[in-house]
Amino acid sequence: MATPKKAKHPRRASAARKEAVPDVPSSTNVSNSAAPLRVVPLAEPEVPERAARRRFTAEYKLQVLRQAETCASPGDLGALLRREGLYSSHLTTWRRQREQGSLAALSPKKRGRPTVPPSPLARRVAELERENARLTQRLQQAETIIAVQKKLSEALGIPLIPADTARSS
């Protein structure tokens, strides 16, 4: 008797199962050593559009310089710089600044154009303009009151005394 041939369907089913697996980060074997290294793909980290400029306070700079001076064994200074996220050029610059003038030289400087202090004349002009605006408003208010009084006197039939005759009497 002839043995029936095996169907090839199980192979196709396993291939279909592999294709149906969603995209999940999978580990890849890198080496064939006793302890294989595995590379796991990471998701893309967020990168800001523009990096923020770091500003260091004078106290922080002095603290890091003191810690750098206490480093005795080889590698301590490198560990300090890595831990703080600094470069050796920072230390060089900060040491030079410390020699030039202590905390004043180490304090961060404001960027941009220096502000011009307002002149005393500009302050006086602004003061006079405010007073002028206030007096102009009071004058308009007084003129409005006088106009209303004239209309009321005309409506009631009361004669107005001219200003020249009122002063003479």
Protein backbone atom coordinates (compact mmCIF):
# COMPACT_ATOMS: atom_id res chain seq x y z
CA MET A 1 0.00 0.00 0.00
CA ALA A 2 1.08 3.41 -0.76
CA THR A 3 1.46 5.88 2.03
CA PRO A 4 -0.50 9.01 1.58
CA LYS A 5 1.51 12.14 0.95
CA LYS A 6 1.61 14.73 3.71
CA ALA A 7 -0.22 17.87 2.94
CA LYS A 8 1.81 21.06 2.70
CA HIS A 9 -0.86 23.11 4.48
CA PRO A 10 0.87 23.26 7.90
CA ARG A 11 3.87 25.04 6.38
CA ARG A 12 1.68 27.61 4.75
CA ALA A 13 -0.20 28.17 7.98
CA SER A 14 3.01 28.82 9.94
CA ALA A 15 4.21 31.24 7.25
CA ALA A 16 0.88 33.03 7.42
CA ARG A 17 1.18 33.26 11.22
CA LYS A 18 4.60 34.93 10.90
CA GLU A 19 3.27 37.51 8.50
CA ALA A 20 0.28 38.29 10.72
CA VAL A 21 2.47 39.27 13.68
CA PRO A 22 2.25 43.04 14.26
CA ASP A 23 5.37 45.22 14.08
CA VAL A 24 6.87 44.78 17.53
CA PRO A 25 10.50 45.58 18.29
CA SER A 26 12.26 42.25 18.30
CA SER A 27 15.72 41.47 19.56
CA THR A 28 18.42 40.44 17.11
CA ASN A 29 21.30 38.14 18.01
CA VAL A 30 24.54 39.98 17.27
CA SER A 31 27.20 37.45 18.23
CA ASN A 32 27.40 33.68 18.61
CA SER A 33 29.37 33.75 21.89
CA ALA A 34 28.33 32.08 25.13
CA ALA A 35 26.52 35.24 26.26
CA PRO A 36 24.93 36.53 23.07
CA LEU A 37 24.56 40.27 22.70
CA ARG A 38 21.15 41.45 21.66
CA VAL A 39 20.28 44.70 19.95
CA VAL A 40 16.81 45.98 20.72
CA PRO A 41 15.60 48.79 18.46
CA LEU A 42 14.44 51.82 20.44
CA ALA A 43 11.67 54.23 19.62
CA GLU A 44 12.83 57.53 18.19
CA PRO A 45 13.59 59.97 21.01
CA GLU A 46 12.01 63.39 20.86
CA VAL A 47 14.44 66.01 19.70
CA PRO A 48 13.50 69.61 20.43
CA GLU A 49 13.44 71.99 17.48
CA ARG A 50 16.06 74.25 19.01
CA ALA A 51 18.31 73.46 21.94
CA ALA A 52 18.09 75.81 24.91
CA ARG A 53 21.26 77.66 25.82
CA ARG A 54 22.51 76.64 29.25
CA ARG A 55 23.24 79.34 31.82
CA PHE A 56 25.33 78.62 34.87
CA THR A 57 25.15 80.66 38.06
CA ALA A 58 28.31 81.95 39.69
CA GLU A 59 27.71 79.72 42.73
CA TYR A 60 27.43 76.63 40.52
CA LYS A 61 30.63 77.52 38.65
CA LEU A 62 32.55 77.98 41.91
CA GLN A 63 31.16 74.72 43.30
CA VAL A 64 32.25 72.76 40.20
CA LEU A 65 35.71 74.40 40.31
CA ARG A 66 36.10 73.40 43.97
CA GLN A 67 35.07 69.81 43.16
CA ALA A 68 37.49 69.74 40.21
CA GLU A 69 40.35 70.86 42.47
CA THR A 70 39.64 68.00 44.91
CA CYS A 71 39.91 65.37 42.15
CA ALA A 72 43.13 63.48 42.88
CA SER A 73 43.11 60.12 41.12
CA PRO A 74 43.08 59.73 37.34
CA GLY A 75 39.58 59.62 35.94
CA ASP A 76 37.92 61.57 38.76
CA LEU A 77 37.87 64.80 36.77
CA GLY A 78 36.41 63.04 33.72
CA ALA A 79 33.73 61.43 35.89
CA LEU A 80 32.86 64.84 37.35
CA LEU A 81 32.57 66.39 33.89
CA ARG A 82 30.40 63.53 32.61
CA ARG A 83 28.17 63.65 35.68
CA GLU A 84 27.62 67.40 35.32
CA GLY A 85 27.41 67.35 31.51
CA LEU A 86 30.30 69.79 31.08
CA TYR A 87 33.36 70.11 28.88
CA SER A 88 36.91 70.71 30.03
CA SER A 89 36.79 74.05 28.22
CA HIS A 90 34.13 75.15 30.73
CA LEU A 91 36.62 74.63 33.56
CA THR A 92 39.34 76.50 31.67
CA THR A 93 37.08 79.46 31.00
CA TRP A 94 35.71 79.52 34.56
CA ARG A 95 39.20 79.39 36.07
CA ARG A 96 40.27 82.34 33.92
CA GLN A 97 37.14 84.26 34.95
CA ARG A 98 37.77 83.49 38.62
CA GLU A 99 41.32 84.86 38.35
CA GLN A 100 40.08 88.05 36.69
CA GLY A 101 37.48 89.04 39.25
CA SER A 102 35.75 86.41 41.42
CA LEU A 103 31.93 86.37 41.46
CA ALA A 104 31.42 89.45 39.31
CA ALA A 105 33.30 87.87 36.40
CA LEU A 106 31.59 84.50 36.91
CA SER A 107 28.02 85.78 36.93
CA PRO A 108 26.17 85.23 33.65
CA LYS A 109 25.97 88.28 31.42
CA LYS A 110 22.73 89.52 29.94
CA ARG A 111 22.65 89.05 26.18
CA GLY A 112 21.64 91.72 23.69
CA ARG A 113 22.00 95.47 23.50
CA PRO A 114 22.51 97.37 26.74
CA THR A 115 19.52 99.40 27.83
CA VAL A 116 19.89 103.17 27.71
CA PRO A 117 18.81 104.89 30.93
CA PRO A 118 16.08 107.49 30.34
CA SER A 119 17.28 111.07 30.47
CA PRO A 120 15.84 113.44 33.10
CA LEU A 121 14.54 115.69 30.31
CA ALA A 122 12.53 112.84 28.80
CA ARG A 123 10.97 112.16 32.21
CA ARG A 124 10.06 115.87 32.60
CA VAL A 125 8.57 115.98 29.08
CA ALA A 126 6.42 112.92 29.82
CA GLU A 127 5.27 114.52 33.08
CA LEU A 128 4.30 117.76 31.32
CA GLU A 129 2.46 115.85 28.57
CA ARG A 130 0.38 114.01 31.20
CA GLU A 131 -0.44 117.30 32.93
CA ASN A 132 -1.34 118.90 29.58
CA ALA A 133 -3.72 116.03 28.76
CA ARG A 134 -5.36 116.32 32.21
CA LEU A 135 -5.85 120.09 31.89
CA THR A 136 -7.21 119.73 28.33
CA GLN A 137 -9.80 117.26 29.58
CA ARG A 138 -10.84 119.64 32.42
CA LEU A 139 -11.14 122.52 29.93
CA GLN A 140 -13.41 120.47 27.65
CA GLN A 141 -15.54 119.53 30.64
CA ALA A 142 -15.84 123.20 31.70
CA GLU A 143 -16.76 124.27 28.15
CA THR A 144 -19.45 121.58 28.02
CA ILE A 145 -20.92 122.81 31.33
CA ILE A 146 -20.96 126.43 30.08
CA ALA A 147 -22.66 125.38 26.82
CA VAL A 148 -25.36 123.52 28.79
CA GLN A 149 -25.90 126.56 31.05
CA LYS A 150 -26.33 128.84 27.99
CA LYS A 151 -28.90 126.49 26.45
CA LEU A 152 -30.78 126.22 29.76
CA SER A 153 -30.88 129.99 30.23
CA GLU A 154 -32.18 130.44 26.66
CA ALA A 155 -34.83 127.75 27.22
CA LEU A 156 -36.01 129.37 30.47
CA GLY A 157 -35.74 132.92 29.13
CA ILE A 158 -33.23 134.11 31.70
CA PRO A 159 -30.96 136.81 30.25
CA LEU A 160 -27.21 136.22 30.55
CA ILE A 161 -25.10 138.96 32.01
CA PRO A 162 -22.01 139.64 29.88
CA ALA A 163 -18.70 139.04 31.65
CA ASP A 164 -17.59 142.72 31.28
CA THR A 165 -20.62 144.15 33.14
CA ALA A 166 -20.46 141.46 35.86
CA ARG A 167 -16.90 142.50 36.77
CA SER A 168 -17.61 146.22 36.81
CA SER A 169 -20.45 146.04 39.31
